[in-house]
Protein backbone atom coordinates (compact mmCIF):
# COMPACT_ATOMS: atom_id res chain seq x y z
CA MET A 1 -182.76 158.43 -109.94
CA ASN A 2 -179.78 158.53 -107.55
CA TYR A 3 -177.06 155.85 -107.62
CA PHE A 4 -178.32 153.97 -104.53
CA ILE A 5 -181.93 153.77 -105.71
CA LYS A 6 -180.81 152.84 -109.24
CA THR A 7 -178.62 150.02 -107.90
CA ILE A 8 -181.46 148.62 -105.77
CA PHE A 9 -183.82 148.82 -108.77
CA ILE A 10 -181.39 146.90 -111.02
CA MET A 11 -180.77 144.26 -108.34
CA GLY A 12 -184.50 143.78 -107.88
CA LEU A 13 -185.11 143.59 -111.62
CA THR A 14 -182.30 141.03 -112.03
CA ALA A 15 -183.68 138.89 -109.21
CA SER A 16 -187.16 139.10 -110.72
CA LEU A 17 -185.91 138.06 -114.17
CA SER A 18 -183.90 135.21 -112.62
CA CYS A 19 -187.01 134.00 -110.80
CA ASP A 20 -189.09 134.23 -114.01
CA ASN A 21 -186.46 132.26 -115.94
CA LYS A 22 -186.50 129.52 -113.30
CA GLN A 23 -190.27 129.33 -113.50
CA GLU A 24 -190.09 129.01 -117.29
CA LEU A 25 -187.76 126.00 -117.05
CA GLN A 26 -189.79 122.82 -116.96
CA LYS A 27 -188.96 120.26 -114.29
CA GLY A 28 -187.31 117.37 -116.09
CA SER A 29 -185.43 119.68 -118.44
CA PHE A 30 -181.66 120.07 -118.46
CA GLY A 31 -181.92 123.79 -117.76
CA TYR A 32 -184.04 123.16 -114.68
CA ASP A 33 -181.52 120.66 -113.32
CA VAL A 34 -178.54 122.94 -113.99
CA SER A 35 -180.30 125.83 -112.26
CA PHE A 36 -181.08 123.58 -109.29
CA LEU A 37 -177.50 122.29 -109.09
CA LYS A 38 -176.05 125.80 -109.25
CA ASP A 39 -178.25 126.80 -106.32
CA HIS A 40 -176.41 124.23 -104.18
CA GLN A 41 -173.01 123.45 -105.72
CA SER A 42 -170.50 124.92 -108.14
CA THR A 43 -171.44 123.37 -111.49
CA ILE A 44 -169.49 123.13 -114.75
CA VAL A 45 -171.47 122.96 -118.01
CA LEU A 46 -169.71 121.65 -121.11
CA GLU A 47 -171.16 121.89 -124.60
CA ASN A 48 -170.19 121.05 -128.16
CA SER A 49 -170.07 123.54 -131.03
CA THR A 50 -173.82 123.31 -131.72
CA GLY A 51 -174.74 124.38 -128.18
CA LYS A 52 -177.38 121.63 -128.11
CA SER A 53 -175.23 118.82 -126.67
CA LYS A 54 -174.54 119.65 -123.02
CA VAL A 55 -173.35 118.00 -119.81
CA ALA A 56 -173.36 119.25 -116.22
CA ILE A 57 -170.55 118.30 -113.83
CA VAL A 58 -170.19 118.93 -110.08
CA PRO A 59 -166.56 118.95 -108.84
CA ALA A 60 -167.69 118.57 -105.20
CA TYR A 61 -169.27 115.23 -106.14
CA GLN A 62 -165.98 113.74 -107.37
CA GLY A 63 -166.20 115.40 -110.78
CA ARG A 64 -169.49 113.58 -111.35
CA ILE A 65 -171.41 114.02 -114.59
CA MET A 66 -174.81 114.79 -113.13
CA SER A 67 -176.84 114.99 -116.32
CA SER A 68 -176.81 115.75 -120.04
CA SER A 69 -179.03 116.96 -122.83
CA ALA A 70 -179.29 116.47 -126.59
CA GLN A 71 -181.55 119.51 -127.05
CA GLY A 72 -179.99 122.26 -124.97
CA ASP A 73 -181.49 123.73 -121.82
CA SER A 74 -185.07 122.92 -122.81
CA GLY A 75 -184.28 119.30 -123.66
CA ASN A 76 -184.76 116.21 -121.53
CA SER A 77 -182.33 115.90 -118.61
CA TYR A 78 -181.14 112.29 -118.81
CA GLY A 79 -179.40 111.82 -115.47
CA TRP A 80 -181.30 110.98 -112.29
CA LEU A 81 -180.80 113.56 -109.53
CA ASN A 82 -181.62 113.10 -105.87
CA TYR A 83 -182.94 116.61 -105.29
CA GLU A 84 -183.53 116.08 -101.58
CA ALA A 85 -179.98 114.89 -100.91
CA ILE A 86 -178.45 117.67 -103.01
CA ALA A 87 -180.46 120.33 -101.20
CA SER A 88 -179.80 118.88 -97.75
CA LYS A 89 -177.01 120.31 -95.62
CA GLU A 90 -176.79 117.11 -93.57
CA LEU A 91 -174.39 114.33 -94.55
CA GLN A 92 -175.50 110.73 -94.23
CA GLU A 93 -173.30 108.27 -92.35
CA LYS A 94 -173.06 105.43 -94.87
CA ILE A 95 -173.57 106.96 -98.29
CA ASN A 96 -174.74 110.23 -99.78
CA VAL A 97 -176.66 109.39 -102.93
CA TYR A 98 -176.69 112.50 -105.10
CA GLY A 99 -177.40 110.72 -108.39
CA GLY A 100 -175.64 111.48 -111.66
CA GLU A 101 -175.12 109.54 -114.88
CA ASP A 102 -171.37 108.99 -114.60
CA ARG A 103 -169.97 108.78 -111.08
CA PHE A 104 -166.52 107.67 -110.00
CA TRP A 105 -166.26 104.81 -107.51
CA LEU A 106 -163.69 102.20 -106.59
CA GLY A 107 -164.11 98.47 -105.96
CA PRO A 108 -164.25 95.99 -104.39
CA GLU A 109 -167.24 96.67 -102.19
CA GLY A 110 -167.13 93.38 -100.29
CA GLY A 111 -164.72 90.55 -99.55
CA GLN A 112 -161.35 90.34 -97.85
CA TYR A 113 -160.01 93.20 -99.99
CA SER A 114 -163.03 95.50 -99.58
CA ILE A 115 -162.56 99.24 -99.08
CA PHE A 116 -166.15 99.63 -97.78
CA PHE A 117 -165.55 97.67 -94.56
CA ASP A 118 -162.98 98.38 -91.87
CA PRO A 119 -160.43 95.64 -91.20
CA LYS A 120 -161.88 92.44 -89.72
CA LYS A 121 -165.42 93.83 -89.36
CA GLU A 122 -168.37 91.55 -90.05
CA PHE A 123 -169.99 91.98 -93.48
CA THR A 124 -173.23 93.55 -92.28
CA PHE A 125 -175.01 96.73 -93.28
CA ASP A 126 -174.24 98.23 -89.87
CA ASN A 127 -170.52 97.99 -90.65
CA TRP A 128 -170.73 99.06 -94.30
CA ARG A 129 -169.82 102.63 -95.29
CA THR A 130 -168.69 104.41 -98.43
CA PRO A 131 -165.17 105.86 -98.20
CA LYS A 132 -165.45 109.64 -97.85
CA GLU A 133 -162.97 110.10 -100.69
CA ILE A 134 -165.57 108.79 -103.18
CA ASP A 135 -168.62 110.06 -101.33
CA THR A 136 -168.33 113.47 -99.69
CA GLU A 137 -164.91 114.84 -100.67
CA GLY A 138 -164.63 116.91 -103.84
CA PHE A 139 -162.13 116.61 -106.68
CA ASP A 140 -159.87 119.52 -107.63
CA VAL A 141 -160.39 121.14 -111.05
CA ILE A 142 -156.96 121.28 -112.70
CA ALA A 143 -157.98 122.23 -116.26
CA GLN A 144 -161.13 123.42 -117.98
CA SER A 145 -162.36 124.51 -121.40
CA SER A 146 -165.79 124.79 -123.05
CA SER A 147 -165.75 121.09 -123.98
CA LYS A 148 -163.46 119.45 -121.40
CA ALA A 149 -162.79 119.45 -117.66
CA VAL A 150 -160.01 117.62 -115.79
CA PHE A 151 -160.11 116.70 -112.11
CA GLU A 152 -157.60 115.28 -109.63
CA LYS A 153 -157.74 113.77 -106.15
CA GLU A 154 -155.14 112.22 -103.86
CA MET A 155 -156.50 109.43 -101.65
CA LYS A 156 -155.33 107.16 -98.85
CA LEU A 157 -157.48 104.07 -98.31
CA THR A 158 -157.02 100.92 -96.23
CA ASN A 159 -158.72 97.69 -97.23
CA TYR A 160 -160.34 94.98 -95.10
CA SER A 161 -157.04 93.09 -94.93
CA GLY A 162 -155.19 96.17 -93.67
CA PHE A 163 -153.28 97.06 -96.84
CA PRO A 164 -152.74 100.86 -97.28
CA PHE A 165 -153.35 102.34 -100.72
CA HIS A 166 -151.95 105.74 -101.66
CA ILE A 167 -153.63 106.78 -104.90
CA LEU A 168 -153.69 109.69 -107.30
CA VAL A 169 -156.95 109.84 -109.27
CA ASN A 170 -157.18 111.76 -112.53
CA ARG A 171 -160.57 112.16 -114.19
CA GLU A 172 -161.03 113.81 -117.58
CA VAL A 173 -164.54 114.55 -118.87
CA SER A 174 -165.15 115.65 -122.46
CA ILE A 175 -168.15 116.18 -124.73
CA PHE A 176 -168.15 115.06 -128.38
CA GLU A 177 -168.85 116.67 -131.71
CA ARG A 178 -171.01 114.73 -134.14
CA SER A 179 -167.99 113.57 -136.15
CA GLU A 180 -166.45 112.03 -133.02
CA ILE A 181 -169.66 110.15 -132.22
CA GLU A 182 -169.87 108.87 -135.79
CA ALA A 183 -166.25 107.70 -135.68
CA LYS A 184 -166.51 106.00 -132.29
CA LEU A 185 -169.72 104.15 -133.17
CA ALA A 186 -169.08 103.70 -136.92
CA LEU A 187 -172.37 105.49 -137.66
CA ASP A 188 -173.54 108.00 -140.24
CA LEU A 189 -176.01 110.37 -138.61
CA SER A 190 -176.40 112.65 -141.63
CA ASP A 191 -179.52 110.90 -142.93
CA MET A 192 -181.18 110.57 -139.50
CA GLU A 193 -183.50 113.03 -137.78
CA VAL A 194 -182.07 112.55 -134.30
CA ASP A 195 -180.68 114.83 -131.63
CA PHE A 196 -177.69 113.50 -129.75
CA VAL A 197 -175.19 114.00 -126.98
CA GLY A 198 -172.04 111.98 -126.39
CA PHE A 199 -169.49 112.29 -123.61
CA GLU A 200 -166.64 110.35 -122.03
CA SER A 201 -164.93 110.05 -118.68
CA VAL A 202 -161.32 108.87 -118.70
CA ASN A 203 -160.46 107.67 -115.21
CA THR A 204 -156.92 106.95 -114.06
CA ILE A 205 -155.79 105.55 -110.72
CA LYS A 206 -152.05 105.70 -110.04
CA ASN A 207 -150.16 103.96 -107.25
CA ILE A 208 -148.17 106.78 -105.60
CA GLY A 209 -147.47 104.83 -102.43
CA LYS A 210 -144.28 103.14 -101.30
CA GLN A 211 -145.49 99.56 -101.91
CA ALA A 212 -146.49 97.62 -104.99
CA TRP A 213 -150.05 96.31 -105.19
CA ASN A 214 -150.43 92.55 -105.52
CA LYS A 215 -153.22 89.97 -105.42
CA GLU A 216 -152.21 88.68 -101.99
CA SER A 217 -152.74 92.07 -100.31
CA GLY A 218 -155.60 93.22 -102.53
CA LEU A 219 -156.20 95.17 -105.73
CA LEU A 220 -158.55 97.97 -106.74
CA SER A 221 -160.70 98.66 -109.77
CA VAL A 222 -162.24 101.79 -111.26
CA TRP A 223 -166.03 101.50 -111.05
CA ILE A 224 -168.23 103.89 -113.06
CA LEU A 225 -171.96 103.96 -112.36
CA GLY A 226 -174.58 105.83 -114.38
CA MET A 227 -177.94 106.61 -112.73
CA LEU A 228 -180.68 107.34 -115.27
CA LYS A 229 -184.36 108.22 -115.20
CA PRO A 230 -186.75 105.28 -115.73
CA THR A 231 -190.16 105.11 -117.39
CA ASP A 232 -192.66 102.28 -117.69
CA GLU A 233 -191.34 101.74 -121.23
CA THR A 234 -187.60 101.63 -120.46
CA VAL A 235 -185.73 98.40 -121.26
CA ILE A 236 -182.01 97.87 -120.57
CA MET A 237 -180.02 96.03 -123.25
CA VAL A 238 -176.98 93.92 -122.31
CA PRO A 239 -175.20 92.17 -125.21
CA PHE A 240 -173.17 89.10 -124.30
CA LYS A 241 -171.01 86.39 -125.82
CA ASN A 242 -170.77 82.70 -125.01
CA ALA A 243 -173.29 81.30 -122.51
CA PRO A 244 -174.92 84.08 -120.46
CA ALA A 245 -173.68 83.03 -117.04
CA TYR A 246 -174.86 86.26 -115.45
CA GLN A 247 -174.77 86.89 -111.72
CA SER A 248 -178.06 87.95 -110.14
CA TYR A 249 -178.04 90.11 -107.00
CA PHE A 250 -180.82 90.92 -104.53
CA GLY A 251 -182.67 87.69 -105.26
CA ALA A 252 -184.30 86.22 -108.35
CA ILE A 253 -185.59 88.63 -110.99
CA PRO A 254 -189.23 88.03 -112.03
CA SER A 255 -189.79 86.72 -115.54
CA ASP A 256 -191.72 89.86 -116.50
CA LYS A 257 -188.57 91.92 -115.77
CA LEU A 258 -185.97 89.81 -117.60
CA LYS A 259 -185.69 88.20 -121.02
CA VAL A 260 -182.65 86.40 -122.47
CA SER A 261 -182.20 85.77 -126.19
CA ASP A 262 -179.24 84.32 -128.08
CA GLU A 263 -177.00 87.40 -127.77
CA LEU A 264 -178.95 89.96 -125.76
CA ILE A 265 -180.27 90.25 -122.22
CA LEU A 266 -183.28 92.53 -121.83
CA PHE A 267 -183.81 93.86 -118.31
CA LYS A 268 -186.68 96.13 -117.33
CA GLY A 269 -185.49 99.58 -116.28
CA ASP A 270 -188.81 100.86 -114.91
CA GLY A 271 -187.69 101.56 -111.32
CA THR A 272 -190.43 99.39 -109.79
CA HIS A 273 -188.56 96.23 -108.73
CA ARG A 274 -185.10 96.06 -107.16
CA GLY A 275 -182.74 93.80 -109.06
CA LYS A 276 -179.18 93.69 -110.35
CA ILE A 277 -177.29 91.53 -112.81
CA GLY A 278 -173.62 91.29 -113.75
CA LEU A 279 -171.50 89.68 -116.45
CA ARG A 280 -168.09 88.11 -116.02
CA PRO A 281 -165.36 89.13 -118.48
CA GLU A 282 -165.69 85.91 -120.51
CA ASN A 283 -169.28 86.90 -121.31
CA THR A 284 -168.76 90.64 -121.69
CA VAL A 285 -169.20 92.70 -124.83
CA PRO A 286 -168.05 96.30 -124.17
CA LEU A 287 -171.48 97.71 -124.91
CA LEU A 288 -174.60 98.52 -122.90
CA GLY A 289 -177.78 100.37 -123.68
CA SER A 290 -181.37 101.16 -122.96
CA TYR A 291 -184.42 102.17 -124.95
CA ASP A 292 -187.14 104.39 -123.60
CA ALA A 293 -190.07 103.98 -126.00
CA GLU A 294 -192.11 106.51 -124.04
CA LYS A 295 -189.72 109.41 -124.64
CA GLY A 296 -188.06 108.09 -127.79
CA VAL A 297 -184.58 107.93 -126.30
CA LEU A 298 -181.90 105.36 -127.14
CA THR A 299 -178.95 105.30 -124.72
CA VAL A 300 -175.65 103.63 -125.60
CA VAL A 301 -172.68 103.00 -123.29
CA GLN A 302 -169.21 101.92 -124.39
CA PHE A 303 -166.32 101.14 -122.03
CA SER A 304 -162.73 100.05 -122.28
CA PHE A 305 -162.32 96.28 -122.24
CA ASN A 306 -159.65 93.82 -123.35
CA ASP A 307 -158.48 90.30 -122.55
CA ASP A 308 -158.01 90.79 -118.79
CA GLN A 309 -159.86 88.20 -116.72
CA ASP A 310 -159.23 89.54 -113.19
CA TYR A 311 -162.09 91.69 -111.90
CA VAL A 312 -162.73 92.40 -108.24
CA ASN A 313 -165.49 90.44 -106.51
CA SER A 314 -167.80 92.68 -104.47
CA MET A 315 -169.88 90.02 -102.71
CA TRP A 316 -170.22 90.64 -98.96
CA GLU A 317 -168.32 87.56 -97.79
CA LEU A 318 -164.85 86.12 -97.45
CA GLN A 319 -164.31 84.89 -100.98
CA ASP A 320 -162.71 81.82 -102.50
CA GLU A 321 -162.33 83.74 -105.79
CA PRO A 322 -161.75 87.43 -105.00
CA TYR A 323 -160.84 88.19 -108.64
CA ALA A 324 -163.77 86.42 -110.29
CA GLY A 325 -165.99 89.50 -110.34
CA ASP A 326 -168.08 91.31 -112.95
CA ALA A 327 -166.90 93.57 -115.75
CA VAL A 328 -170.33 95.06 -116.31
CA ASN A 329 -173.48 95.51 -114.19
CA THR A 330 -176.99 96.88 -114.54
CA TYR A 331 -179.41 97.74 -111.76
CA ASN A 332 -183.13 98.45 -111.62
CA ASP A 333 -184.23 100.31 -108.52
CA GLY A 334 -187.36 99.42 -106.58
CA PRO A 335 -188.96 99.45 -103.13
CA LEU A 336 -187.13 97.83 -100.22
CA GLU A 337 -188.84 95.33 -97.92
CA ASN A 338 -190.12 98.16 -95.71
CA GLY A 339 -191.62 99.94 -98.71
CA ASP A 340 -189.08 102.78 -98.78
CA GLN A 341 -187.42 103.63 -102.09
CA LEU A 342 -184.48 105.83 -102.87
CA GLY A 343 -185.19 106.39 -106.55
CA PRO A 344 -186.67 105.40 -108.85
CA PHE A 345 -183.73 105.10 -111.26
CA TYR A 346 -181.80 102.47 -113.18
CA GLU A 347 -178.04 102.08 -113.56
CA LEU A 348 -175.58 101.18 -116.32
CA GLU A 349 -172.18 100.30 -114.81
CA SER A 350 -168.72 99.29 -115.99
CA SER A 351 -165.48 98.39 -114.19
CA SER A 352 -161.80 98.27 -114.99
CA PRO A 353 -159.83 95.06 -114.47
CA ALA A 354 -157.94 94.58 -111.21
CA LYS A 355 -154.25 95.24 -111.89
CA ALA A 356 -151.15 94.57 -109.81
CA LEU A 357 -149.46 97.97 -109.92
CA GLY A 358 -145.89 98.81 -109.15
CA VAL A 359 -145.08 102.20 -107.65
CA ASN A 360 -146.07 104.94 -110.16
CA ASP A 361 -147.98 102.47 -112.36
CA SER A 362 -151.57 103.22 -113.41
CA VAL A 363 -154.88 101.75 -114.53
CA ILE A 364 -156.99 103.74 -117.02
CA HIS A 365 -160.70 103.14 -117.61
CA HIS A 366 -162.88 104.81 -120.25
CA HIS A 367 -166.65 105.05 -119.88
CA VAL A 368 -168.58 106.63 -122.77
CA THR A 369 -172.28 107.54 -122.83
CA TYR A 370 -174.47 108.56 -125.77
CA HIS A 371 -178.13 109.55 -125.90
CA PHE A 372 -180.04 109.68 -129.17
CA GLU A 373 -183.52 111.18 -129.27
CA GLY A 374 -185.88 111.21 -132.24
CA LYS A 375 -188.10 109.09 -134.46
CA GLU A 376 -188.19 105.37 -133.79
CA GLU A 377 -187.32 104.54 -137.41
CA ASP A 378 -184.06 106.48 -137.13
CA LEU A 379 -183.24 105.21 -133.65
CA ASN A 380 -183.89 101.74 -135.03
CA LYS A 381 -181.06 102.15 -137.55
CA ILE A 382 -178.68 102.78 -134.64
CA SER A 383 -180.02 99.84 -132.65
CA LEU A 384 -179.69 97.46 -135.61
CA LYS A 385 -176.11 98.61 -136.18
CA LEU A 386 -174.96 98.38 -132.55
CA PHE A 387 -177.21 95.84 -130.86
CA LYS A 388 -178.31 93.82 -133.91
CA SER A 389 -181.85 94.20 -132.66
CA ASP A 390 -184.99 95.88 -134.00
CA LEU A 391 -186.45 98.26 -131.42
CA LYS A 392 -189.88 96.73 -131.91
CA GLY A 393 -188.42 93.63 -130.27
CA ILE A 394 -187.00 95.52 -127.30
CA LYS A 395 -189.93 94.68 -125.07
CA ILE A 396 -190.51 92.50 -122.03
């Protein structure tokens, strides 16, 4: 066999094997999603020492953690992906919704200090748009190892009131070993038959402009949103303290989608009815979660939180209290009035406080996600420890 024919034969065999491998990957698996992502964007896969805990990150989508797995390539892919948008070569005018279970955004969305509306424009959907810096522009990879990737992006944004922000964003994503998960959650997983993945994004915004940021001209916050796959049996868990004075968006939430107990809000994450709730800092516990009884998956989210009370208000109006916003939000996707639906998915979100920053000062926000998959009796031990709730009671 001459060199030319041999080369063509090897290329054809490789392509055939690649095609067979793709066909073997089940849709819904992590391996399928990684293969799909790599067909369209450069994708970084991190893993811990076991090779079972994995996360997929796309630098072009602002260093977004697209999905993760607790059972390697064949395991469930936890993040929701918008396959159509990812595959499309056309960019949308207002927002490009690619999905992903940890995406970097900035707030506020609405109000006199909004960065989603041009100065002095009316707060209508026609005038709303996502800044390209957190929508279509990629982040630079500045460091990478098998378990960590670091991204950077310089941005210039102008808010509704005309104040110019010059920002340096640093985003560090890392995946955990079991010992790190046990330490962070004060758990002992040695006697549990559960698979797990845990990962963190550390997000820093630094004022590199020539002016200090102050309340009178507007402040920014780091806003991390996680888009996850729903099932009919998925329930979101939101612990709270004090009276649950939660903010409800997109209208009232039906009673069969929401349940409030003494210390826990249960919110249906089935992707069939559009609704969103938020908690102010005085009611916030730095913990979120969800339980999918259908797949046997318990999801836990931690985020940095302290005594700060100033959080940006994202309501689409000129506000009397622009720093009386939410520290934590959850969203259940559902059909719009015209019947169209983007998802289905549900979201677990956290925000940093709004800080007045001098030149070269920074705000850092941590957002940590864990997925545990296994027998209900073992997942229940984790739920009782973290949420003080038996999983048999996590129903609406």
